[in-house]
Each structure stands twice: as C-alpha cells, then as structure tokens.
Amino acid sequence: MNNLDSTDLRILLELVRDPRIQIGDLATALGIARNTAQTRVRRLLRSGILHSGGREIDLTAVGYDVVAFVTIEVTHRELDGVVGALRLIPQVLEVHEISGRGDVWCRVVATDTHNLQSALRSVLRIKGVIRTETVLALHTHIPYRTEPLISRLVQPGSSVAGPANSAPPAR
C-alpha cells in the first residue's frame, strides 16, 4: 500500500461518494484547509491512485491487489435475497445476473488470498447459493472504459446501433 494516511483515505471516500464535489466543499466536509484538500487531490492524481476521468480509484494502490470473478449458481426463488446479501459484502464490486453457466457473476477484490477466501466463504453462506466458481485475474490489459464508445458517437455519421454500422461513411 502506498503512503496514504487517514486524510488521504477520507478524501478518496468523499470523492467516491460524490465525484463532482468542489474542493471547498471537500475541505469543509473533512475539516481541513482548502489548500490541503487541493494539494492532496493533486498528489493522488499525479500518483495514479486517483484517476481524473470519473474519480476512479486504483484499488491496488490502497491494498486490494487480488481480483476475482465469481460465477454463482443460485436457487432462483432466492435470487433477490442473494443479490441483497452480496450488496453487504464490501469486497463485492459489481453483480450481474447472467445467462449461460451460472446465474450471477460478481467482480470481487481482496487484499490477499486469505481475504478472498473469507469473502468467498461469506458468499457461500448466503441462503440460496448452490455453488460458486472463482477465476483469478492475473493482469488487467484493458481496464473498464467508456471513452471509445462515446468518442465513436461524437464522430459525424456515427450511430448508436453498434458494430453493424461501424463502416466509415461513403465519400
């Protein structure tokens, strides 16, 4: 973990809660000087811990360097309860109902394999979970992104229809 103190972590938490918060409001919320808030946010951005686009946080920098994808098979009548219980597990970053093998897919982060095992045991204890399959991410080659999609829409003659209309316009 980088040299983040409690003020840095509180800044990150406020930015996650409200990515559009103004520096003055951030300083007030944390009870720190405006210049301190501004300097710390700039340092977090320069270090790469905080990404400027959507105030996305590099979780590796704050100690969560294990990423796993968990496919969960559930009893269908318990699906809503399973999703509600998954929401209570802090390491669960996202949950999707899926088709194909399994019923629910989750992205889970952990500080180490023991922390991951603890999170997975919490998942398995949820009423309605039948079984799980976990795959560890070894490296992220393309992180979550939306810029290419939006850039494509900005181009003249583009359409939101998707790849079928991706041919360049005739000249």
N, C-alpha and C. Protein backbone atom coordinates (compact mmCIF):
# COMPACT_ATOMS: atom_id res chain seq x y z
N MET A 1 0.85 -1.17 0.00
CA MET A 1 0.00 0.00 0.00
C MET A 1 0.89 1.23 0.00
N ASN A 2 0.50 2.24 -0.77
CA ASN A 2 1.25 3.49 -0.82
C ASN A 2 1.18 4.19 0.52
N ASN A 3 1.84 5.33 0.62
CA ASN A 3 1.86 6.09 1.86
C ASN A 3 0.60 6.94 2.00
N LEU A 4 -0.51 6.30 2.16
CA LEU A 4 -1.77 7.00 2.33
C LEU A 4 -2.09 7.08 3.81
N ASP A 5 -2.37 8.30 4.27
CA ASP A 5 -2.76 8.44 5.67
C ASP A 5 -4.29 8.53 5.74
N SER A 6 -4.80 8.72 6.93
CA SER A 6 -6.26 8.73 7.10
C SER A 6 -6.91 9.88 6.34
N THR A 7 -6.24 11.02 6.21
CA THR A 7 -6.81 12.14 5.45
C THR A 7 -6.93 11.78 3.98
N ASP A 8 -5.89 11.14 3.41
CA ASP A 8 -5.96 10.70 2.01
C ASP A 8 -7.12 9.73 1.81
N LEU A 9 -7.27 8.78 2.71
CA LEU A 9 -8.34 7.80 2.59
C LEU A 9 -9.72 8.44 2.73
N ARG A 10 -9.84 9.43 3.62
CA ARG A 10 -11.11 10.15 3.77
C ARG A 10 -11.42 10.96 2.51
N ILE A 11 -10.40 11.54 1.90
CA ILE A 11 -10.58 12.27 0.64
C ILE A 11 -11.10 11.31 -0.43
N LEU A 12 -10.45 10.14 -0.56
CA LEU A 12 -10.89 9.15 -1.54
C LEU A 12 -12.33 8.73 -1.30
N LEU A 13 -12.70 8.52 -0.06
CA LEU A 13 -14.06 8.11 0.27
C LEU A 13 -15.06 9.19 -0.13
N GLU A 14 -14.76 10.44 0.17
CA GLU A 14 -15.66 11.54 -0.22
C GLU A 14 -15.78 11.63 -1.73
N LEU A 15 -14.68 11.43 -2.45
CA LEU A 15 -14.72 11.51 -3.91
C LEU A 15 -15.49 10.34 -4.52
N VAL A 16 -15.43 9.18 -3.89
CA VAL A 16 -16.23 8.05 -4.35
C VAL A 16 -17.71 8.35 -4.12
N ARG A 17 -18.01 8.91 -2.98
CA ARG A 17 -19.41 9.22 -2.65
C ARG A 17 -19.97 10.33 -3.54
N ASP A 18 -19.13 11.33 -3.84
CA ASP A 18 -19.58 12.45 -4.67
C ASP A 18 -18.43 12.89 -5.56
N PRO A 19 -18.30 12.27 -6.74
CA PRO A 19 -17.18 12.58 -7.63
C PRO A 19 -17.14 14.03 -8.10
N ARG A 20 -18.27 14.73 -8.04
CA ARG A 20 -18.31 16.11 -8.53
C ARG A 20 -18.18 17.14 -7.42
N ILE A 21 -17.83 16.71 -6.22
CA ILE A 21 -17.71 17.63 -5.10
C ILE A 21 -16.64 18.69 -5.40
N GLN A 22 -16.92 19.91 -5.04
CA GLN A 22 -15.97 21.01 -5.21
C GLN A 22 -14.91 20.93 -4.11
N ILE A 23 -13.71 21.42 -4.41
CA ILE A 23 -12.61 21.36 -3.45
C ILE A 23 -12.98 22.04 -2.13
N GLY A 24 -13.63 23.19 -2.21
CA GLY A 24 -14.05 23.89 -0.99
C GLY A 24 -15.00 23.06 -0.15
N ASP A 25 -15.95 22.41 -0.81
CA ASP A 25 -16.90 21.55 -0.09
C ASP A 25 -16.21 20.32 0.48
N LEU A 26 -15.25 19.79 -0.25
CA LEU A 26 -14.48 18.65 0.23
C LEU A 26 -13.71 19.03 1.49
N ALA A 27 -13.06 20.18 1.45
CA ALA A 27 -12.30 20.66 2.62
C ALA A 27 -13.22 20.84 3.82
N THR A 28 -14.38 21.43 3.59
CA THR A 28 -15.33 21.65 4.68
C THR A 28 -15.82 20.32 5.26
N ALA A 29 -16.16 19.39 4.38
CA ALA A 29 -16.66 18.08 4.84
C ALA A 29 -15.64 17.35 5.69
N LEU A 30 -14.36 17.53 5.37
CA LEU A 30 -13.31 16.81 6.10
C LEU A 30 -12.69 17.63 7.23
N GLY A 31 -13.05 18.90 7.31
CA GLY A 31 -12.50 19.75 8.36
C GLY A 31 -11.02 20.05 8.14
N ILE A 32 -10.63 20.22 6.87
CA ILE A 32 -9.24 20.55 6.55
C ILE A 32 -9.21 21.82 5.72
N ALA A 33 -8.03 22.43 5.61
CA ALA A 33 -7.89 23.66 4.83
C ALA A 33 -8.09 23.36 3.35
N ARG A 34 -8.64 24.34 2.64
CA ARG A 34 -8.87 24.20 1.20
C ARG A 34 -7.58 23.88 0.46
N ASN A 35 -6.49 24.55 0.81
CA ASN A 35 -5.20 24.29 0.15
C ASN A 35 -4.72 22.87 0.42
N THR A 36 -4.98 22.37 1.61
CA THR A 36 -4.59 20.99 1.93
C THR A 36 -5.37 20.02 1.05
N ALA A 37 -6.67 20.24 0.93
CA ALA A 37 -7.50 19.38 0.09
C ALA A 37 -7.03 19.42 -1.35
N GLN A 38 -6.78 20.63 -1.87
CA GLN A 38 -6.32 20.79 -3.26
C GLN A 38 -4.99 20.08 -3.49
N THR A 39 -4.04 20.27 -2.59
CA THR A 39 -2.71 19.66 -2.71
C THR A 39 -2.81 18.14 -2.67
N ARG A 40 -3.61 17.63 -1.76
CA ARG A 40 -3.74 16.17 -1.62
C ARG A 40 -4.42 15.55 -2.84
N VAL A 41 -5.46 16.18 -3.34
CA VAL A 41 -6.14 15.65 -4.53
C VAL A 41 -5.17 15.65 -5.71
N ARG A 42 -4.41 16.73 -5.89
CA ARG A 42 -3.41 16.77 -6.97
C ARG A 42 -2.38 15.66 -6.83
N ARG A 43 -1.91 15.42 -5.59
CA ARG A 43 -0.92 14.36 -5.35
C ARG A 43 -1.52 12.99 -5.66
N LEU A 44 -2.76 12.76 -5.27
CA LEU A 44 -3.43 11.48 -5.55
C LEU A 44 -3.60 11.28 -7.07
N LEU A 45 -3.88 12.36 -7.78
CA LEU A 45 -3.99 12.28 -9.24
C LEU A 45 -2.64 11.99 -9.88
N ARG A 46 -1.60 12.73 -9.46
CA ARG A 46 -0.25 12.54 -10.02
C ARG A 46 0.27 11.13 -9.78
N SER A 47 -0.02 10.58 -8.63
CA SER A 47 0.49 9.25 -8.28
C SER A 47 -0.26 8.13 -9.01
N GLY A 48 -1.40 8.46 -9.59
CA GLY A 48 -2.19 7.45 -10.29
C GLY A 48 -3.17 6.71 -9.39
N ILE A 49 -3.17 7.02 -8.11
CA ILE A 49 -4.11 6.38 -7.19
C ILE A 49 -5.53 6.81 -7.54
N LEU A 50 -5.67 8.06 -7.90
CA LEU A 50 -6.95 8.63 -8.29
C LEU A 50 -6.89 8.94 -9.78
N HIS A 51 -7.86 8.44 -10.52
CA HIS A 51 -7.92 8.70 -11.96
C HIS A 51 -8.85 9.87 -12.20
N SER A 52 -8.40 10.81 -13.02
CA SER A 52 -9.14 12.06 -13.18
C SER A 52 -10.50 11.90 -13.83
N GLY A 53 -10.64 10.96 -14.78
CA GLY A 53 -11.89 10.84 -15.52
C GLY A 53 -13.13 10.78 -14.66
N GLY A 54 -13.31 9.70 -13.93
CA GLY A 54 -14.51 9.53 -13.13
C GLY A 54 -14.20 9.43 -11.67
N ARG A 55 -13.05 9.93 -11.28
CA ARG A 55 -12.60 9.82 -9.90
C ARG A 55 -12.50 8.36 -9.50
N GLU A 56 -12.13 7.53 -10.46
CA GLU A 56 -11.93 6.10 -10.24
C GLU A 56 -10.66 5.91 -9.41
N ILE A 57 -10.67 4.96 -8.51
CA ILE A 57 -9.53 4.72 -7.61
C ILE A 57 -8.81 3.45 -8.01
N ASP A 58 -7.49 3.51 -8.03
CA ASP A 58 -6.66 2.34 -8.27
C ASP A 58 -6.67 1.52 -6.98
N LEU A 59 -7.47 0.46 -6.94
CA LEU A 59 -7.62 -0.32 -5.72
C LEU A 59 -6.34 -1.02 -5.29
N THR A 60 -5.47 -1.32 -6.25
CA THR A 60 -4.17 -1.92 -5.90
C THR A 60 -3.40 -0.97 -5.00
N ALA A 61 -3.49 0.32 -5.28
CA ALA A 61 -2.74 1.31 -4.50
C ALA A 61 -3.22 1.42 -3.06
N VAL A 62 -4.45 0.99 -2.80
CA VAL A 62 -4.95 1.03 -1.42
C VAL A 62 -5.01 -0.36 -0.79
N GLY A 63 -4.33 -1.32 -1.44
CA GLY A 63 -4.16 -2.62 -0.82
C GLY A 63 -5.00 -3.76 -1.36
N TYR A 64 -5.88 -3.50 -2.30
CA TYR A 64 -6.72 -4.56 -2.86
C TYR A 64 -6.16 -5.00 -4.20
N ASP A 65 -5.17 -5.89 -4.15
CA ASP A 65 -4.49 -6.27 -5.39
C ASP A 65 -4.86 -7.66 -5.90
N VAL A 66 -5.85 -8.29 -5.29
CA VAL A 66 -6.36 -9.56 -5.79
C VAL A 66 -7.74 -9.29 -6.39
N VAL A 67 -7.91 -9.67 -7.66
CA VAL A 67 -9.20 -9.51 -8.34
C VAL A 67 -9.68 -10.88 -8.76
N ALA A 68 -10.93 -11.17 -8.46
CA ALA A 68 -11.51 -12.46 -8.83
C ALA A 68 -12.88 -12.24 -9.47
N PHE A 69 -13.22 -13.15 -10.36
CA PHE A 69 -14.53 -13.16 -10.99
C PHE A 69 -15.23 -14.41 -10.50
N VAL A 70 -16.38 -14.23 -9.89
CA VAL A 70 -17.09 -15.34 -9.26
C VAL A 70 -18.42 -15.55 -9.97
N THR A 71 -18.61 -16.76 -10.46
CA THR A 71 -19.89 -17.15 -11.04
C THR A 71 -20.63 -17.93 -9.97
N ILE A 72 -21.88 -17.55 -9.75
CA ILE A 72 -22.66 -18.16 -8.66
C ILE A 72 -23.91 -18.80 -9.24
N GLU A 73 -24.15 -20.03 -8.83
CA GLU A 73 -25.39 -20.70 -9.16
C GLU A 73 -26.31 -20.54 -7.95
N VAL A 74 -27.54 -20.09 -8.20
CA VAL A 74 -28.45 -19.82 -7.09
C VAL A 74 -29.78 -20.53 -7.30
N THR A 75 -30.51 -20.71 -6.21
CA THR A 75 -31.89 -21.15 -6.27
C THR A 75 -32.68 -19.93 -6.75
N HIS A 76 -33.38 -20.07 -7.86
CA HIS A 76 -33.99 -18.89 -8.50
C HIS A 76 -34.95 -18.12 -7.61
N ARG A 77 -35.70 -18.79 -6.78
CA ARG A 77 -36.63 -18.07 -5.92
C ARG A 77 -35.90 -17.26 -4.85
N GLU A 78 -34.60 -17.51 -4.68
CA GLU A 78 -33.80 -16.79 -3.69
C GLU A 78 -32.92 -15.70 -4.33
N LEU A 79 -33.07 -15.47 -5.63
CA LEU A 79 -32.19 -14.55 -6.35
C LEU A 79 -32.14 -13.16 -5.72
N ASP A 80 -33.29 -12.57 -5.44
CA ASP A 80 -33.30 -11.23 -4.85
C ASP A 80 -32.58 -11.18 -3.51
N GLY A 81 -32.79 -12.21 -2.70
CA GLY A 81 -32.11 -12.28 -1.41
C GLY A 81 -30.61 -12.44 -1.55
N VAL A 82 -30.19 -13.23 -2.55
CA VAL A 82 -28.76 -13.41 -2.80
C VAL A 82 -28.13 -12.09 -3.21
N VAL A 83 -28.78 -11.38 -4.12
CA VAL A 83 -28.25 -10.08 -4.56
C VAL A 83 -28.19 -9.11 -3.39
N GLY A 84 -29.21 -9.08 -2.57
CA GLY A 84 -29.21 -8.21 -1.39
C GLY A 84 -28.07 -8.54 -0.44
N ALA A 85 -27.82 -9.82 -0.23
CA ALA A 85 -26.73 -10.24 0.67
C ALA A 85 -25.37 -9.92 0.07
N LEU A 86 -25.23 -10.08 -1.25
CA LEU A 86 -23.95 -9.74 -1.91
C LEU A 86 -23.64 -8.25 -1.75
N ARG A 87 -24.68 -7.43 -1.76
CA ARG A 87 -24.51 -5.98 -1.60
C ARG A 87 -23.85 -5.64 -0.25
N LEU A 88 -24.01 -6.51 0.73
CA LEU A 88 -23.47 -6.27 2.08
C LEU A 88 -22.01 -6.70 2.23
N ILE A 89 -21.46 -7.38 1.24
CA ILE A 89 -20.06 -7.82 1.31
C ILE A 89 -19.20 -6.74 0.66
N PRO A 90 -18.37 -6.03 1.44
CA PRO A 90 -17.63 -4.88 0.90
C PRO A 90 -16.73 -5.21 -0.29
N GLN A 91 -16.17 -6.41 -0.34
CA GLN A 91 -15.26 -6.75 -1.43
C GLN A 91 -15.96 -6.98 -2.76
N VAL A 92 -17.29 -7.10 -2.76
CA VAL A 92 -18.04 -7.32 -4.00
C VAL A 92 -18.22 -5.97 -4.68
N LEU A 93 -17.58 -5.79 -5.84
CA LEU A 93 -17.62 -4.51 -6.55
C LEU A 93 -18.81 -4.40 -7.49
N GLU A 94 -19.18 -5.49 -8.13
CA GLU A 94 -20.32 -5.46 -9.04
C GLU A 94 -20.95 -6.83 -9.12
N VAL A 95 -22.25 -6.83 -9.43
CA VAL A 95 -23.02 -8.07 -9.52
C VAL A 95 -23.90 -7.97 -10.77
N HIS A 96 -23.87 -9.03 -11.57
CA HIS A 96 -24.68 -9.08 -12.79
C HIS A 96 -25.43 -10.40 -12.84
N GLU A 97 -26.72 -10.35 -13.18
CA GLU A 97 -27.46 -11.56 -13.47
C GLU A 97 -27.07 -11.96 -14.89
N ILE A 98 -26.74 -13.22 -15.11
CA ILE A 98 -26.20 -13.65 -16.40
C ILE A 98 -26.99 -14.81 -16.98
N SER A 99 -26.74 -15.04 -18.27
CA SER A 99 -27.28 -16.24 -18.93
C SER A 99 -26.13 -17.23 -19.05
N GLY A 100 -26.45 -18.44 -19.43
CA GLY A 100 -25.39 -19.44 -19.59
C GLY A 100 -25.11 -20.15 -18.29
N ARG A 101 -23.87 -20.56 -18.14
CA ARG A 101 -23.47 -21.31 -16.95
C ARG A 101 -23.48 -20.39 -15.73
N GLY A 102 -24.24 -20.72 -14.76
CA GLY A 102 -24.37 -19.90 -13.57
C GLY A 102 -25.51 -18.91 -13.72
N ASP A 103 -25.80 -18.21 -12.64
CA ASP A 103 -26.92 -17.27 -12.61
C ASP A 103 -26.49 -15.84 -12.32
N VAL A 104 -25.42 -15.70 -11.55
CA VAL A 104 -24.95 -14.39 -11.12
C VAL A 104 -23.44 -14.36 -11.29
N TRP A 105 -22.93 -13.22 -11.74
CA TRP A 105 -21.49 -13.01 -11.90
C TRP A 105 -21.10 -11.82 -11.04
N CYS A 106 -20.00 -11.95 -10.31
CA CYS A 106 -19.52 -10.87 -9.44
C CYS A 106 -18.05 -10.60 -9.69
N ARG A 107 -17.67 -9.34 -9.56
CA ARG A 107 -16.25 -8.99 -9.52
C ARG A 107 -15.95 -8.70 -8.06
N VAL A 108 -14.95 -9.38 -7.53
CA VAL A 108 -14.61 -9.31 -6.12
C VAL A 108 -13.14 -8.92 -6.00
N VAL A 109 -12.80 -8.06 -5.05
CA VAL A 109 -11.41 -7.72 -4.78
C VAL A 109 -11.06 -8.13 -3.36
N ALA A 110 -9.76 -8.33 -3.15
CA ALA A 110 -9.29 -8.72 -1.82
C ALA A 110 -7.87 -8.22 -1.62
N THR A 111 -7.48 -8.16 -0.36
CA THR A 111 -6.12 -7.72 -0.03
C THR A 111 -5.10 -8.83 -0.24
N ASP A 112 -5.55 -10.07 -0.11
CA ASP A 112 -4.68 -11.24 -0.32
C ASP A 112 -5.59 -12.46 -0.47
N THR A 113 -4.99 -13.61 -0.65
CA THR A 113 -5.81 -14.80 -0.87
C THR A 113 -6.63 -15.20 0.36
N HIS A 114 -6.11 -14.90 1.55
CA HIS A 114 -6.88 -15.21 2.76
C HIS A 114 -8.12 -14.33 2.85
N ASN A 115 -7.98 -13.05 2.48
CA ASN A 115 -9.10 -12.13 2.47
C ASN A 115 -10.11 -12.55 1.41
N LEU A 116 -9.63 -13.03 0.26
CA LEU A 116 -10.51 -13.53 -0.79
C LEU A 116 -11.27 -14.76 -0.30
N GLN A 117 -10.57 -15.67 0.35
CA GLN A 117 -11.21 -16.87 0.88
C GLN A 117 -12.31 -16.51 1.87
N SER A 118 -12.07 -15.51 2.69
CA SER A 118 -13.08 -15.06 3.64
C SER A 118 -14.31 -14.52 2.92
N ALA A 119 -14.08 -13.71 1.87
CA ALA A 119 -15.20 -13.17 1.10
C ALA A 119 -15.98 -14.30 0.42
N LEU A 120 -15.26 -15.27 -0.14
CA LEU A 120 -15.92 -16.39 -0.81
C LEU A 120 -16.73 -17.23 0.17
N ARG A 121 -16.22 -17.40 1.37
CA ARG A 121 -16.98 -18.13 2.39
C ARG A 121 -18.25 -17.37 2.75
N SER A 122 -18.16 -16.05 2.79
CA SER A 122 -19.36 -15.24 3.04
C SER A 122 -20.39 -15.44 1.94
N VAL A 123 -19.93 -15.52 0.71
CA VAL A 123 -20.84 -15.76 -0.42
C VAL A 123 -21.50 -17.13 -0.28
N LEU A 124 -20.70 -18.13 0.03
CA LEU A 124 -21.23 -19.49 0.14
C LEU A 124 -22.24 -19.65 1.28
N ARG A 125 -22.16 -18.78 2.30
CA ARG A 125 -23.09 -18.86 3.43
C ARG A 125 -24.44 -18.21 3.12
N ILE A 126 -24.56 -17.52 2.00
CA ILE A 126 -25.80 -16.83 1.66
C ILE A 126 -26.87 -17.87 1.32
N LYS A 127 -28.05 -17.69 1.91
CA LYS A 127 -29.17 -18.59 1.64
C LYS A 127 -29.53 -18.49 0.16
N GLY A 128 -29.57 -19.64 -0.50
CA GLY A 128 -29.92 -19.68 -1.91
C GLY A 128 -28.73 -19.90 -2.83
N VAL A 129 -27.51 -19.75 -2.30
CA VAL A 129 -26.33 -20.02 -3.12
C VAL A 129 -26.09 -21.52 -3.15
N ILE A 130 -26.05 -22.07 -4.35
CA ILE A 130 -25.84 -23.51 -4.50
C ILE A 130 -24.35 -23.81 -4.62
N ARG A 131 -23.67 -23.11 -5.53
CA ARG A 131 -22.22 -23.31 -5.71
C ARG A 131 -21.64 -22.09 -6.39
N THR A 132 -20.30 -21.98 -6.29
CA THR A 132 -19.59 -20.88 -6.94
C THR A 132 -18.42 -21.43 -7.74
N GLU A 133 -17.99 -20.66 -8.69
CA GLU A 133 -16.76 -20.93 -9.43
C GLU A 133 -15.99 -19.63 -9.48
N THR A 134 -14.73 -19.67 -9.06
CA THR A 134 -13.93 -18.46 -8.96
C THR A 134 -12.75 -18.52 -9.91
N VAL A 135 -12.53 -17.43 -10.62
CA VAL A 135 -11.38 -17.29 -11.53
C VAL A 135 -10.62 -16.05 -11.08
N LEU A 136 -9.31 -16.19 -10.90
CA LEU A 136 -8.48 -15.05 -10.51
C LEU A 136 -7.99 -14.30 -11.74
N ALA A 137 -8.00 -12.98 -11.65
CA ALA A 137 -7.43 -12.15 -12.71
C ALA A 137 -5.93 -12.04 -12.45
N LEU A 138 -5.13 -12.32 -13.46
CA LEU A 138 -3.68 -12.24 -13.31
C LEU A 138 -3.15 -10.87 -13.69
N HIS A 139 -3.78 -10.23 -14.67
CA HIS A 139 -3.34 -8.92 -15.14
C HIS A 139 -4.50 -8.25 -15.88
N THR A 140 -4.63 -6.96 -15.70
CA THR A 140 -5.66 -6.21 -16.43
C THR A 140 -5.01 -5.55 -17.63
N HIS A 141 -5.36 -6.00 -18.81
CA HIS A 141 -4.81 -5.43 -20.04
C HIS A 141 -5.60 -4.21 -20.49
N ILE A 142 -6.92 -4.25 -20.35
CA ILE A 142 -7.78 -3.11 -20.70
C ILE A 142 -8.71 -2.89 -19.52
N PRO A 143 -8.50 -1.83 -18.76
CA PRO A 143 -9.40 -1.57 -17.64
C PRO A 143 -10.75 -1.08 -18.13
N TYR A 144 -11.73 -1.08 -17.25
CA TYR A 144 -13.06 -0.60 -17.59
C TYR A 144 -12.94 0.77 -18.27
N ARG A 145 -13.65 0.93 -19.37
CA ARG A 145 -13.55 2.17 -20.12
C ARG A 145 -14.86 2.45 -20.85
N THR A 146 -15.13 3.71 -21.09
CA THR A 146 -16.29 4.10 -21.88
C THR A 146 -15.91 5.11 -22.95
N GLU A 147 -14.72 5.68 -22.85
CA GLU A 147 -14.30 6.73 -23.79
C GLU A 147 -14.40 6.32 -25.25
N PRO A 148 -13.96 5.11 -25.66
CA PRO A 148 -14.07 4.74 -27.07
C PRO A 148 -15.52 4.73 -27.58
N LEU A 149 -16.44 4.33 -26.74
CA LEU A 149 -17.85 4.30 -27.14
C LEU A 149 -18.38 5.71 -27.37
N ILE A 150 -18.08 6.59 -26.44
CA ILE A 150 -18.57 7.96 -26.54
C ILE A 150 -17.87 8.69 -27.68
N SER A 151 -16.57 8.47 -27.85
CA SER A 151 -15.83 9.09 -28.96
C SER A 151 -16.45 8.70 -30.29
N ARG A 152 -16.83 7.46 -30.41
CA ARG A 152 -17.43 6.96 -31.64
C ARG A 152 -18.76 7.66 -31.94
N LEU A 153 -19.51 7.95 -30.89
CA LEU A 153 -20.79 8.63 -31.07
C LEU A 153 -20.62 10.08 -31.47
N VAL A 154 -19.50 10.68 -31.08
CA VAL A 154 -19.23 12.08 -31.40
C VAL A 154 -18.86 12.25 -32.86
N GLN A 155 -18.31 11.23 -33.48
CA GLN A 155 -17.88 11.31 -34.87
C GLN A 155 -19.08 11.53 -35.78
N PRO A 156 -18.92 12.39 -36.81
CA PRO A 156 -20.02 12.63 -37.74
C PRO A 156 -20.46 11.33 -38.42
N GLY A 157 -21.76 11.17 -38.57
CA GLY A 157 -22.30 10.00 -39.25
C GLY A 157 -22.34 8.76 -38.38
N SER A 158 -21.98 8.89 -37.10
CA SER A 158 -21.99 7.70 -36.25
C SER A 158 -23.41 7.43 -35.77
N SER A 159 -23.59 6.23 -35.31
CA SER A 159 -24.91 5.82 -34.84
C SER A 159 -24.74 5.01 -33.58
N VAL A 160 -25.75 4.95 -32.75
CA VAL A 160 -25.68 4.17 -31.51
C VAL A 160 -26.00 2.71 -31.75
N ALA A 161 -26.23 2.34 -33.01
CA ALA A 161 -26.64 0.97 -33.31
C ALA A 161 -25.56 -0.06 -33.02
N GLY A 162 -24.30 0.32 -33.04
CA GLY A 162 -23.25 -0.62 -32.68
C GLY A 162 -22.42 -1.05 -33.87
N PRO A 163 -21.70 -2.19 -33.71
CA PRO A 163 -20.73 -2.64 -34.69
C PRO A 163 -21.28 -2.82 -36.10
N ALA A 164 -22.55 -3.16 -36.27
CA ALA A 164 -23.09 -3.38 -37.62
C ALA A 164 -23.02 -2.11 -38.47
N ASN A 165 -23.04 -0.96 -37.82
CA ASN A 165 -22.97 0.30 -38.53
C ASN A 165 -21.61 0.95 -38.39
N SER A 166 -20.58 0.14 -38.18
CA SER A 166 -19.27 0.71 -37.88
C SER A 166 -18.45 1.04 -39.12
N ALA A 167 -18.95 0.74 -40.30
CA ALA A 167 -18.20 1.06 -41.52
C ALA A 167 -18.12 2.57 -41.67
N PRO A 168 -16.99 3.07 -42.17
CA PRO A 168 -16.86 4.51 -42.34
C PRO A 168 -17.88 5.00 -43.38
N PRO A 169 -18.36 6.24 -43.23
CA PRO A 169 -19.33 6.74 -44.19
C PRO A 169 -18.74 6.83 -45.60
N ALA A 170 -19.58 6.59 -46.61
CA ALA A 170 -19.12 6.69 -48.00
C ALA A 170 -18.80 8.13 -48.33
N ARG A 171 -17.79 8.31 -49.18
CA ARG A 171 -17.40 9.68 -49.54
C ARG A 171 -17.77 9.99 -50.94
